N, C-alpha and C. Protein backbone atom coordinates (compact mmCIF):
# COMPACT_ATOMS: atom_id res chain seq x y z
N MET A 1 0.76 -0.95 0.44
CA MET A 1 0.09 -0.08 -0.03
C MET A 1 1.42 0.97 0.38
N SER A 2 0.66 2.21 -0.39
CA SER A 2 1.58 2.91 -0.94
C SER A 2 0.82 4.47 0.42
N LYS A 3 2.03 5.15 0.41
CA LYS A 3 1.81 6.34 1.77
C LYS A 3 0.68 7.35 1.30
N LYS A 4 0.13 7.49 0.50
CA LYS A 4 -1.22 8.13 0.07
C LYS A 4 -2.26 7.94 -0.10
N ALA A 5 -2.40 6.16 0.06
CA ALA A 5 -3.55 5.68 -0.06
C ALA A 5 -3.55 5.40 1.30
N PHE A 6 -2.98 5.07 2.12
CA PHE A 6 -2.59 4.98 3.93
C PHE A 6 -3.06 6.44 4.53
N GLU A 7 -2.53 7.49 4.00
CA GLU A 7 -3.20 8.79 4.31
C GLU A 7 -4.75 8.95 3.90
N GLN A 8 -5.24 8.59 3.06
CA GLN A 8 -6.41 8.88 2.15
C GLN A 8 -7.40 7.72 3.31
N ALA A 9 -7.21 6.62 3.42
CA ALA A 9 -8.21 5.82 4.41
C ALA A 9 -7.80 6.12 6.08
N SER A 10 -6.41 6.48 6.24
CA SER A 10 -6.86 7.44 7.70
C SER A 10 -7.60 8.36 7.69
N ALA A 11 -7.27 9.37 6.93
CA ALA A 11 -8.51 10.57 7.04
C ALA A 11 -9.30 9.99 6.80
N SER A 12 -10.09 9.38 6.41
CA SER A 12 -11.90 8.65 6.42
C SER A 12 -12.23 8.35 7.91
N GLY A 13 -11.31 8.08 8.55
CA GLY A 13 -12.24 7.98 9.67
C GLY A 13 -12.29 6.07 10.35
N ILE A 14 -11.47 5.34 9.31
CA ILE A 14 -11.59 4.18 9.14
C ILE A 14 -9.91 3.89 9.64
N HIS A 15 -10.21 2.63 10.39
CA HIS A 15 -8.99 2.18 11.00
C HIS A 15 -8.68 0.90 9.58
N LEU A 16 -7.35 1.04 9.76
CA LEU A 16 -6.61 0.80 8.55
C LEU A 16 -5.33 0.15 9.16
N ILE A 17 -5.60 -1.27 8.83
CA ILE A 17 -4.13 -2.64 8.84
C ILE A 17 -3.69 -3.12 7.54
N ALA A 18 -2.83 -2.37 7.81
CA ALA A 18 -1.55 -2.78 5.75
C ALA A 18 -1.11 -4.07 6.52
N GLN A 19 -0.80 -4.42 5.51
CA GLN A 19 0.63 -5.89 5.42
C GLN A 19 1.84 -4.82 5.49
N VAL A 20 2.93 -5.49 6.01
CA VAL A 20 3.78 -4.85 5.09
C VAL A 20 5.29 -6.18 4.31
N LYS A 21 5.44 -5.26 3.46
CA LYS A 21 6.40 -6.72 2.81
C LYS A 21 7.06 -5.89 2.60
N ALA A 22 8.18 -7.31 1.39
CA ALA A 22 9.48 -6.68 1.12
C ALA A 22 9.63 -5.56 -0.06
N ASN A 23 8.08 -4.84 -0.61
CA ASN A 23 8.48 -4.50 -1.42
C ASN A 23 8.35 -3.23 -0.67
N GLN A 24 8.46 -2.84 -0.01
CA GLN A 24 8.50 -1.29 0.99
C GLN A 24 9.84 -1.95 1.81
N PRO A 25 10.58 -1.67 1.11
CA PRO A 25 11.70 -2.00 2.06
C PRO A 25 12.36 -1.16 2.98
N THR A 26 12.17 -0.03 3.03
CA THR A 26 12.95 0.47 4.04
C THR A 26 11.73 0.22 5.53
N LEU A 27 10.75 0.45 4.82
CA LEU A 27 9.35 0.08 6.05
C LEU A 27 9.65 -0.90 6.65
N HIS A 28 9.73 -2.07 6.41
CA HIS A 28 9.88 -3.38 6.32
C HIS A 28 10.87 -3.88 7.22
N HIS A 29 12.50 -3.17 7.13
CA HIS A 29 13.30 -3.07 7.92
C HIS A 29 13.14 -2.56 9.20
N THR A 30 12.40 -1.67 9.00
CA THR A 30 12.43 -0.52 10.27
C THR A 30 11.69 -1.29 11.31
N VAL A 31 10.43 -2.11 10.81
CA VAL A 31 8.89 -2.60 11.75
C VAL A 31 9.90 -3.90 12.10
N THR A 32 10.30 -4.57 11.10
CA THR A 32 11.06 -5.71 12.07
C THR A 32 12.34 -5.83 13.07
N SER A 33 12.82 -4.91 12.44
CA SER A 33 13.62 -4.09 14.43
C SER A 33 12.81 -3.12 14.81
N LEU A 34 12.16 -2.79 15.16
CA LEU A 34 11.29 -2.50 16.05
C LEU A 34 10.75 -3.91 16.55
N CYS A 35 10.28 -4.75 16.07
CA CYS A 35 9.37 -6.02 16.42
C CYS A 35 10.73 -6.48 17.63
N ASP A 36 11.99 -6.72 16.95
CA ASP A 36 12.83 -7.54 17.59
C ASP A 36 13.17 -6.96 18.92
N THR A 37 13.36 -6.03 18.91
CA THR A 37 14.15 -5.25 20.23
C THR A 37 13.00 -4.16 21.13
N ALA A 38 11.89 -4.33 20.28
CA ALA A 38 11.01 -3.77 21.41
C ALA A 38 9.71 -4.09 21.98
N THR A 39 9.46 -4.11 23.31
CA THR A 39 8.47 -4.70 24.62
C THR A 39 7.26 -4.35 23.78
N PRO A 40 5.98 -5.49 23.79
CA PRO A 40 4.80 -5.26 23.13
C PRO A 40 3.98 -4.91 23.77
N LEU A 41 3.22 -4.10 23.32
CA LEU A 41 2.11 -3.12 24.60
C LEU A 41 1.16 -4.32 25.03
N ASP A 42 0.69 -5.48 23.75
CA ASP A 42 -0.73 -6.37 24.12
C ASP A 42 0.05 -7.61 23.46
N ARG A 43 -0.75 -8.43 23.60
CA ARG A 43 -0.49 -10.01 22.89
C ARG A 43 -1.47 -10.24 22.70
N ALA A 44 -1.75 -11.27 21.81
CA ALA A 44 -3.03 -11.79 21.70
C ALA A 44 -2.53 -13.69 20.92
N HIS A 45 -3.51 -14.59 21.47
CA HIS A 45 -3.36 -16.04 21.08
C HIS A 45 -4.00 -16.52 20.69
N THR A 46 -4.27 -16.97 19.57
CA THR A 46 -5.31 -17.56 18.87
C THR A 46 -5.01 -18.96 17.60
N SER A 47 -6.41 -19.06 17.56
CA SER A 47 -6.19 -20.56 16.98
C SER A 47 -7.56 -20.79 15.98
N ASP A 48 -7.47 -22.08 15.04
CA ASP A 48 -8.93 -21.81 14.64
C ASP A 48 -9.11 -23.32 14.96
N LYS A 49 -10.14 -23.46 15.25
CA LYS A 49 -10.68 -24.69 15.62
C LYS A 49 -11.44 -25.52 15.14
N LYS A 50 -11.69 -25.56 13.30
CA LYS A 50 -12.30 -26.72 12.95
C LYS A 50 -11.02 -26.73 11.27
N CYS A 51 -10.24 -26.57 11.74
CA CYS A 51 -9.51 -26.79 10.38
C CYS A 51 -8.90 -28.40 10.21
N HIS A 52 -9.22 -28.82 9.06
CA HIS A 52 -8.81 -30.45 9.07
C HIS A 52 -7.53 -30.70 8.55
N SER A 53 -6.61 -31.46 8.73
CA SER A 53 -5.39 -32.17 9.02
C SER A 53 -4.61 -30.35 9.17
N ARG A 54 -4.92 -29.22 9.99
CA ARG A 54 -4.29 -28.32 9.91
C ARG A 54 -3.95 -27.82 11.52
N ASP A 55 -3.19 -27.25 11.98
CA ASP A 55 -3.17 -26.75 12.72
C ASP A 55 -1.90 -25.74 13.45
N GLU A 56 -2.97 -24.69 13.48
CA GLU A 56 -2.21 -22.85 12.95
C GLU A 56 -2.47 -21.93 14.60
N PRO A 57 -1.84 -22.28 15.55
CA PRO A 57 -2.02 -21.30 16.36
C PRO A 57 -1.27 -20.23 15.96
N ARG A 58 -1.59 -19.11 16.75
CA ARG A 58 -0.85 -17.49 16.21
C ARG A 58 -1.08 -16.74 17.13
N LEU A 59 0.41 -15.90 17.33
CA LEU A 59 1.10 -15.04 18.06
C LEU A 59 0.61 -13.65 17.80
N VAL A 60 -0.37 -12.70 17.95
CA VAL A 60 -0.52 -11.52 18.36
C VAL A 60 0.09 -10.52 18.96
N GLU A 61 1.00 -9.72 18.08
CA GLU A 61 1.61 -8.36 19.16
C GLU A 61 1.46 -7.29 18.60
N VAL A 62 1.13 -6.21 19.20
CA VAL A 62 1.48 -4.55 18.79
C VAL A 62 2.17 -3.77 19.44
N PHE A 63 3.03 -2.95 18.87
CA PHE A 63 4.43 -2.25 19.10
C PHE A 63 4.11 -0.84 19.00
N SER A 64 4.24 -0.55 19.65
CA SER A 64 4.31 1.07 19.23
C SER A 64 5.02 1.72 18.87
N PRO A 65 4.93 2.60 17.57
CA PRO A 65 6.09 2.81 17.35
C PRO A 65 7.42 3.25 17.37
N GLY A 66 7.26 4.74 18.33
CA GLY A 66 7.73 5.50 18.97
C GLY A 66 8.37 6.22 18.05
N ASP A 67 9.82 6.32 18.08
CA ASP A 67 10.57 6.99 17.34
C ASP A 67 11.19 6.42 16.20
N SER A 68 10.74 5.45 15.85
CA SER A 68 11.54 4.55 14.81
C SER A 68 11.21 5.10 13.67
N LEU A 69 10.03 5.60 12.92
CA LEU A 69 9.95 5.78 12.20
C LEU A 69 9.94 7.41 11.52
N ALA A 70 10.42 7.75 12.59
CA ALA A 70 10.78 9.54 13.14
C ALA A 70 11.57 10.09 11.86
N ASN A 71 12.35 9.41 10.82
CA ASN A 71 12.89 10.24 9.69
C ASN A 71 12.71 9.65 8.42
N THR A 72 11.14 9.15 8.30
CA THR A 72 10.84 8.29 7.08
C THR A 72 9.61 8.84 6.39
N GLU A 73 9.19 9.04 5.93
CA GLU A 73 7.64 8.91 4.84
C GLU A 73 6.65 8.61 5.54
N TRP A 74 6.93 7.50 6.82
CA TRP A 74 6.02 6.60 7.38
C TRP A 74 5.45 7.38 8.70
N ALA A 75 6.24 8.28 8.90
CA ALA A 75 6.12 9.25 10.21
C ALA A 75 4.89 10.28 9.66
N GLY A 76 4.21 10.34 11.57
CA GLY A 76 2.98 10.47 11.49
C GLY A 76 2.12 9.52 11.07
N HIS A 77 1.99 8.37 10.07
CA HIS A 77 0.92 8.08 10.02
C HIS A 77 0.55 6.80 10.12
N VAL A 78 1.66 5.97 10.83
CA VAL A 78 1.92 4.71 11.23
C VAL A 78 1.88 5.06 12.84
N GLY A 79 0.50 4.42 13.16
CA GLY A 79 0.56 4.61 15.27
C GLY A 79 0.17 3.31 15.54
N ALA A 80 0.73 1.87 15.00
CA ALA A 80 1.17 0.90 15.41
C ALA A 80 2.12 0.01 14.58
N VAL A 81 2.45 -0.86 15.17
CA VAL A 81 3.17 -2.01 14.23
C VAL A 81 2.38 -3.50 14.67
N ILE A 82 2.22 -4.39 14.11
CA ILE A 82 1.32 -5.15 14.46
C ILE A 82 2.58 -6.37 14.00
N ARG A 83 3.04 -7.95 15.08
CA ARG A 83 3.65 -8.38 14.22
C ARG A 83 2.93 -9.96 14.44
N VAL A 84 2.69 -10.74 13.53
CA VAL A 84 1.93 -11.70 13.62
C VAL A 84 2.77 -12.96 12.92
N THR A 85 3.01 -14.13 14.38
CA THR A 85 3.83 -15.29 14.45
C THR A 85 3.14 -16.76 13.89
N ARG A 86 3.30 -17.55 12.87
CA ARG A 86 2.00 -18.67 12.85
C ARG A 86 3.50 -19.58 12.64
N ASP A 87 2.92 -20.66 14.02
CA ASP A 87 3.44 -21.92 13.81
C ASP A 87 2.37 -23.26 13.59
N VAL A 88 2.59 -23.07 11.77
CA VAL A 88 1.67 -24.68 11.25
C VAL A 88 1.62 -25.86 11.20
N LEU A 89 1.16 -26.38 11.67
CA LEU A 89 1.09 -28.53 11.78
C LEU A 89 0.23 -28.49 10.23
N THR A 90 0.97 -28.95 9.02
CA THR A 90 -0.18 -29.85 8.02
C THR A 90 0.38 -30.80 8.57
N ARG A 91 -1.04 -31.85 8.09
CA ARG A 91 -1.25 -33.38 8.00
C ARG A 91 -1.39 -33.70 7.04
N SER A 92 -0.21 -34.78 6.45
CA SER A 92 -0.24 -35.25 4.97
C SER A 92 -1.34 -36.23 5.35
N ALA A 93 -2.17 -36.46 4.45
CA ALA A 93 -3.57 -37.38 3.87
C ALA A 93 -2.16 -38.62 3.48
N ALA A 94 -1.59 -38.67 2.86
CA ALA A 94 -1.04 -39.59 2.41
C ALA A 94 0.18 -40.39 3.42
N THR A 95 0.62 -39.61 3.89
CA THR A 95 1.78 -40.13 5.13
C THR A 95 1.13 -40.61 6.45
N GLY A 96 0.44 -39.37 6.83
CA GLY A 96 -0.53 -39.72 8.14
C GLY A 96 1.05 -38.55 8.64
N LEU A 97 2.09 -38.09 8.16
CA LEU A 97 2.77 -37.48 9.10
C LEU A 97 2.63 -36.05 9.10
N TRP A 98 3.29 -35.63 10.04
CA TRP A 98 2.79 -34.30 10.58
C TRP A 98 4.13 -32.98 9.96
N ARG A 99 3.79 -31.86 9.34
CA ARG A 99 5.08 -30.97 9.01
C ARG A 99 4.77 -29.44 9.10
N ALA A 100 5.76 -29.17 10.00
CA ALA A 100 5.79 -27.77 11.08
C ALA A 100 6.52 -26.86 10.10
N THR A 101 5.62 -25.80 10.02
CA THR A 101 6.68 -24.43 9.01
C THR A 101 6.38 -23.40 10.56
N SER A 102 7.34 -22.32 9.98
CA SER A 102 6.80 -21.31 11.25
C SER A 102 6.72 -19.81 10.24
N GLU A 103 5.52 -19.02 10.61
CA GLU A 103 5.98 -17.79 9.22
C GLU A 103 5.89 -16.85 10.30
N THR A 104 6.00 -15.04 9.57
CA THR A 104 6.00 -14.00 10.15
C THR A 104 5.40 -13.40 9.25
N ALA A 105 4.33 -12.81 9.81
CA ALA A 105 3.91 -11.28 9.17
C ALA A 105 3.87 -10.02 9.82
N TRP A 106 4.02 -8.70 9.23
CA TRP A 106 3.79 -7.90 10.06
C TRP A 106 3.10 -7.01 8.92
N PHE A 107 2.34 -6.16 9.78
CA PHE A 107 1.26 -5.52 9.48
C PHE A 107 1.33 -3.54 10.42
N VAL A 108 1.13 -2.39 9.56
CA VAL A 108 1.08 -1.26 10.44
C VAL A 108 -0.32 -0.97 10.54
N SER A 109 -0.89 -0.08 11.70
CA SER A 109 -1.71 0.65 11.91
C SER A 109 -1.77 1.59 12.09
N ASP A 110 -3.38 2.55 11.56
CA ASP A 110 -3.16 4.17 11.72
C ASP A 110 -3.36 4.32 13.48
N THR A 111 -3.60 3.60 14.02
CA THR A 111 -3.68 3.70 15.52
C THR A 111 -3.24 2.36 16.34
N ILE A 112 -3.80 2.26 17.40
CA ILE A 112 -2.54 1.73 18.09
C ILE A 112 -4.92 0.55 18.55
N LEU A 113 -4.21 -0.95 18.34
CA LEU A 113 -5.61 -1.19 18.87
C LEU A 113 -5.47 -2.41 19.25
N PRO A 114 -6.38 -3.18 20.14
CA PRO A 114 -6.01 -4.22 21.15
C PRO A 114 -5.34 -5.66 20.38
N ALA A 115 -4.66 -6.04 20.64
CA ALA A 115 -4.18 -7.47 19.99
C ALA A 115 -5.32 -8.25 19.57
N ALA A 116 -6.31 -8.64 20.78
CA ALA A 116 -7.49 -9.41 20.32
C ALA A 116 -8.40 -8.93 18.55
N ASP A 117 -8.48 -7.46 18.81
CA ASP A 117 -9.16 -6.88 17.36
C ASP A 117 -8.19 -6.89 16.61
N CYS A 118 -7.34 -6.81 16.54
CA CYS A 118 -6.11 -7.12 15.26
C CYS A 118 -5.97 -8.23 14.88
N ALA A 119 -6.14 -9.55 15.71
CA ALA A 119 -5.93 -11.13 15.53
C ALA A 119 -7.68 -10.89 14.70
N GLN A 120 -8.90 -10.60 15.02
CA GLN A 120 -9.50 -10.81 14.15
C GLN A 120 -9.97 -10.08 13.05
N ALA A 121 -9.23 -8.74 12.74
CA ALA A 121 -9.30 -8.24 11.45
C ALA A 121 -8.54 -8.24 10.25
N ILE A 122 -7.12 -9.23 11.19
CA ILE A 122 -6.31 -9.64 9.82
C ILE A 122 -6.99 -11.25 9.25
N ARG A 123 -7.37 -12.12 10.42
CA ARG A 123 -7.86 -13.39 10.09
C ARG A 123 -9.11 -12.83 8.90
N GLN A 124 -9.91 -12.06 9.17
CA GLN A 124 -11.41 -11.96 8.24
C GLN A 124 -10.69 -11.73 6.86
N HIS A 125 -9.38 -10.85 7.02
CA HIS A 125 -9.56 -10.61 6.00
C HIS A 125 -8.78 -11.92 5.01
N TRP A 126 -9.07 -13.08 5.16
CA TRP A 126 -8.78 -13.80 4.13
C TRP A 126 -10.02 -14.33 3.67
N SER A 127 -11.07 -14.03 4.18
CA SER A 127 -12.42 -14.33 3.78
C SER A 127 -12.61 -14.00 2.43
N ILE A 128 -12.09 -12.35 2.44
CA ILE A 128 -11.79 -11.56 1.03
C ILE A 128 -11.17 -12.65 0.11
N GLU A 129 -9.60 -12.70 0.53
CA GLU A 129 -8.97 -13.08 0.10
C GLU A 129 -9.45 -15.00 -0.49
N ASN A 130 -10.65 -15.41 -0.01
CA ASN A 130 -10.84 -16.85 -0.26
C ASN A 130 -11.81 -16.87 -1.42
N ARG A 131 -12.85 -15.58 -1.34
CA ARG A 131 -13.92 -15.44 -2.17
C ARG A 131 -14.14 -14.43 -2.94
N SER A 132 -12.65 -13.63 -3.37
CA SER A 132 -12.61 -12.97 -4.31
C SER A 132 -11.45 -13.24 -4.52
N HIS A 133 -10.38 -12.88 -4.61
CA HIS A 133 -9.10 -13.06 -5.03
C HIS A 133 -8.72 -14.68 -5.53
N TYR A 134 -8.79 -15.70 -5.05
CA TYR A 134 -8.81 -17.10 -5.22
C TYR A 134 -10.15 -17.31 -6.56
N VAL A 135 -11.46 -16.53 -6.31
CA VAL A 135 -12.09 -16.84 -7.42
C VAL A 135 -11.82 -16.38 -8.63
N ARG A 136 -11.02 -15.03 -8.78
CA ARG A 136 -10.62 -14.46 -10.02
C ARG A 136 -9.01 -15.08 -10.40
N ASP A 137 -8.31 -15.72 -9.56
CA ASP A 137 -7.13 -16.21 -9.82
C ASP A 137 -6.96 -17.60 -10.31
N VAL A 138 -8.02 -17.88 -9.95
CA VAL A 138 -7.64 -19.59 -10.04
C VAL A 138 -9.31 -20.13 -11.26
N THR A 139 -10.63 -19.40 -11.02
CA THR A 139 -11.85 -20.08 -11.69
C THR A 139 -11.32 -19.33 -12.81
N PHE A 140 -10.95 -17.99 -13.19
CA PHE A 140 -11.13 -17.34 -14.28
C PHE A 140 -9.93 -17.12 -14.84
N ALA A 141 -8.84 -17.48 -14.00
CA ALA A 141 -6.89 -17.41 -14.74
C ALA A 141 -7.38 -16.52 -14.53
N GLU A 142 -7.15 -15.26 -13.45
CA GLU A 142 -6.61 -13.36 -13.77
C GLU A 142 -5.29 -13.68 -13.79
N ASP A 143 -4.74 -13.99 -13.22
CA ASP A 143 -3.29 -14.42 -13.07
C ASP A 143 -2.47 -14.57 -14.55
N ALA A 144 -3.08 -16.01 -14.91
CA ALA A 144 -2.47 -16.04 -16.91
C ALA A 144 -2.88 -15.30 -17.87
N SER A 145 -3.80 -14.21 -17.60
CA SER A 145 -4.16 -13.96 -18.52
C SER A 145 -3.22 -12.80 -19.31
N ARG A 146 -3.19 -13.21 -20.51
CA ARG A 146 -2.28 -12.30 -21.66
C ARG A 146 -2.96 -10.69 -22.16
N ILE A 147 -3.54 -10.71 -21.71
CA ILE A 147 -4.38 -9.60 -22.18
C ILE A 147 -4.02 -8.34 -21.65
N ARG A 148 -2.83 -7.34 -22.82
CA ARG A 148 -2.27 -6.30 -21.91
C ARG A 148 -2.94 -5.04 -22.66
N CYS A 149 -4.14 -5.21 -23.20
CA CYS A 149 -4.23 -3.98 -23.59
C CYS A 149 -5.85 -3.59 -23.05
N ASN A 150 -5.78 -2.84 -22.06
CA ASN A 150 -6.68 -2.38 -21.37
C ASN A 150 -7.28 -3.86 -20.35
N PRO A 151 -6.33 -3.93 -19.59
CA PRO A 151 -6.61 -5.21 -19.10
C PRO A 151 -7.77 -5.33 -17.73
N GLY A 152 -7.94 -3.88 -17.26
CA GLY A 152 -9.06 -2.80 -16.06
C GLY A 152 -10.78 -3.24 -16.95
N ILE A 153 -10.69 -3.71 -17.60
CA ILE A 153 -11.78 -3.69 -18.56
C ILE A 153 -12.58 -5.11 -18.17
N PHE A 154 -11.93 -6.13 -18.18
CA PHE A 154 -11.23 -7.58 -18.49
C PHE A 154 -11.70 -8.04 -17.07
N ALA A 155 -10.89 -7.61 -16.13
CA ALA A 155 -11.00 -7.95 -14.66
C ALA A 155 -12.32 -7.48 -14.06
N ARG A 156 -12.52 -6.15 -14.63
CA ARG A 156 -14.44 -5.57 -14.16
C ARG A 156 -15.44 -6.34 -14.87
N LEU A 157 -15.22 -7.39 -15.98
CA LEU A 157 -16.22 -8.37 -16.45
C LEU A 157 -16.29 -9.76 -16.00
N ARG A 158 -14.82 -10.25 -14.87
CA ARG A 158 -14.77 -11.00 -14.20
C ARG A 158 -15.46 -11.17 -13.30
N SER A 159 -15.04 -9.70 -12.80
CA SER A 159 -16.19 -9.37 -11.36
C SER A 159 -17.06 -9.32 -11.32
N PHE A 160 -17.83 -8.95 -12.74
CA PHE A 160 -19.16 -8.97 -13.20
C PHE A 160 -19.73 -10.24 -13.06
N ALA A 161 -18.87 -11.05 -13.67
CA ALA A 161 -19.72 -12.42 -13.68
C ALA A 161 -19.56 -12.98 -12.55
N ALA A 162 -18.57 -12.91 -11.90
CA ALA A 162 -18.74 -13.48 -10.46
C ALA A 162 -19.79 -12.91 -9.51
N ASN A 163 -19.73 -11.61 -9.23
CA ASN A 163 -21.16 -11.25 -8.93
C ASN A 163 -23.03 -11.90 -9.18
N ILE A 164 -22.81 -11.89 -10.73
CA ILE A 164 -23.48 -12.82 -11.05
C ILE A 164 -23.99 -14.13 -10.54
N LEU A 165 -23.26 -15.03 -10.69
CA LEU A 165 -23.18 -16.34 -9.93
C LEU A 165 -23.21 -16.23 -8.36
N ARG A 166 -22.76 -15.03 -7.76
CA ARG A 166 -22.54 -15.41 -6.36
C ARG A 166 -24.46 -14.28 -5.97
N PHE A 167 -24.46 -13.84 -7.02
CA PHE A 167 -26.03 -12.92 -6.60
C PHE A 167 -27.34 -14.66 -6.66
N ASN A 168 -26.90 -15.43 -7.39
CA ASN A 168 -28.11 -16.48 -7.88
C ASN A 168 -27.53 -17.53 -7.27
N ASN A 169 -27.05 -17.34 -5.45
CA ASN A 169 -26.68 -18.44 -4.58
C ASN A 169 -25.68 -19.69 -4.99
N VAL A 170 -24.85 -19.34 -6.05
CA VAL A 170 -23.89 -20.37 -6.63
C VAL A 170 -22.76 -20.33 -5.56
N SER A 171 -22.58 -22.04 -5.36
CA SER A 171 -21.42 -22.28 -3.90
C SER A 171 -19.89 -22.58 -4.81
N ASN A 172 -19.95 -22.71 -6.01
CA ASN A 172 -19.21 -23.39 -7.48
C ASN A 172 -18.93 -22.94 -7.96
N VAL A 173 -18.09 -22.05 -8.48
CA VAL A 173 -18.24 -20.83 -9.47
C VAL A 173 -17.69 -21.78 -10.64
N SER A 174 -16.52 -22.87 -10.14
CA SER A 174 -16.16 -22.98 -11.08
C SER A 174 -16.89 -23.90 -11.78
N ASN A 175 -17.51 -25.15 -11.39
CA ASN A 175 -18.61 -25.69 -11.63
C ASN A 175 -19.54 -24.98 -12.55
N ALA A 176 -19.98 -24.22 -12.23
CA ALA A 176 -21.44 -23.40 -12.80
C ALA A 176 -20.99 -22.62 -13.73
N ARG A 177 -19.97 -22.22 -13.93
CA ARG A 177 -19.41 -21.35 -15.35
C ARG A 177 -18.90 -22.50 -16.12
N TYR A 178 -18.70 -23.77 -15.80
CA TYR A 178 -18.76 -24.90 -17.20
C TYR A 178 -19.95 -25.36 -17.57
N ARG A 179 -21.09 -25.39 -16.67
CA ARG A 179 -22.01 -25.32 -16.83
C ARG A 179 -22.90 -24.54 -18.00
N ILE A 180 -22.26 -23.24 -17.53
CA ILE A 180 -23.27 -22.28 -18.32
C ILE A 180 -22.89 -22.07 -20.12
N ALA A 181 -21.65 -22.18 -20.13
CA ALA A 181 -20.66 -22.32 -21.22
C ALA A 181 -21.18 -23.57 -21.96
N PHE A 182 -21.71 -24.58 -21.26
CA PHE A 182 -22.33 -26.00 -22.41
C PHE A 182 -23.55 -25.74 -22.43
N GLY A 183 -24.46 -25.19 -21.23
CA GLY A 183 -25.61 -25.15 -21.92
C GLY A 183 -26.17 -23.54 -22.37
N GLY A 184 -25.67 -22.60 -22.42
CA GLY A 184 -25.65 -21.48 -23.79
C GLY A 184 -26.49 -20.46 -22.87
N ILE A 185 -27.54 -19.64 -23.39
CA ILE A 185 -28.50 -18.80 -22.91
C ILE A 185 -29.26 -19.53 -22.42
N ASP A 186 -29.84 -20.73 -22.68
CA ASP A 186 -30.56 -20.75 -21.51
C ASP A 186 -30.00 -21.71 -20.16
N ALA A 187 -28.85 -22.12 -20.13
CA ALA A 187 -28.40 -22.35 -18.79
C ALA A 187 -28.39 -21.10 -17.79
N ILE A 188 -27.98 -19.80 -18.66
CA ILE A 188 -28.15 -18.50 -17.98
C ILE A 188 -28.85 -18.08 -17.55
N LEU A 189 -30.54 -18.41 -18.27
CA LEU A 189 -31.91 -17.69 -17.68
C LEU A 189 -32.36 -18.61 -17.16
N ASP A 190 -31.83 -19.80 -16.89
CA ASP A 190 -32.41 -20.81 -15.95
C ASP A 190 -31.80 -21.20 -14.82
N MET A 191 -30.65 -20.26 -14.35
CA MET A 191 -29.62 -20.14 -13.67
C MET A 191 -30.40 -20.61 -12.19
N ARG A 192 -31.35 -19.45 -12.05
CA ARG A 192 -31.95 -19.78 -10.35
C ARG A 192 -32.59 -21.31 -10.11
N VAL A 193 -33.05 -21.76 -11.28
CA VAL A 193 -34.03 -22.90 -11.43
C VAL A 193 -32.64 -24.36 -10.93
N MET A 194 -31.55 -23.97 -11.84
CA MET A 194 -30.27 -24.79 -11.66
C MET A 194 -29.62 -24.78 -10.42
N TYR A 195 -29.40 -23.65 -9.51
CA TYR A 195 -28.79 -23.60 -8.05
C TYR A 195 -29.81 -23.28 -6.97
């Protein structure tokens, strides 16, 4: 997220949490260094209860940025730094063995929030990822698209198609897409009856 977008969202009165990745090298380095040396203001432990073949306890820690961003373009915009540490155990169905991995992600917020609230907001982001981006990337093959002239128009058409399917209570977008493709206009007109 750019500094300007962060400023606009903060000015609108909405609390904003944005992930910090390596494409913002100065901010990323500053945030990781801060989390390694500072004491967190608040901590929360979370875990998903209904995961099949997966156990993912998370530790969410909230830090005050203090003066660490004073000489950067982010000074005055970042009110809190959030570190999320995930220790993931994934069970292989083929072997029955568990594989352990550990991941750390960093986020910034425009204000200091309780760690439990940050954990909930960050976790709820995945519903957006699963509902929108996954469907666009996998079902509509948006990442593999070779369209270079006005790709935004085709992105809107994909969103329009997905929204029509969701409006008609389609739970499996990929399956519905193929049924409609093979059924033609009659399948589109009878969509409410099919699903």
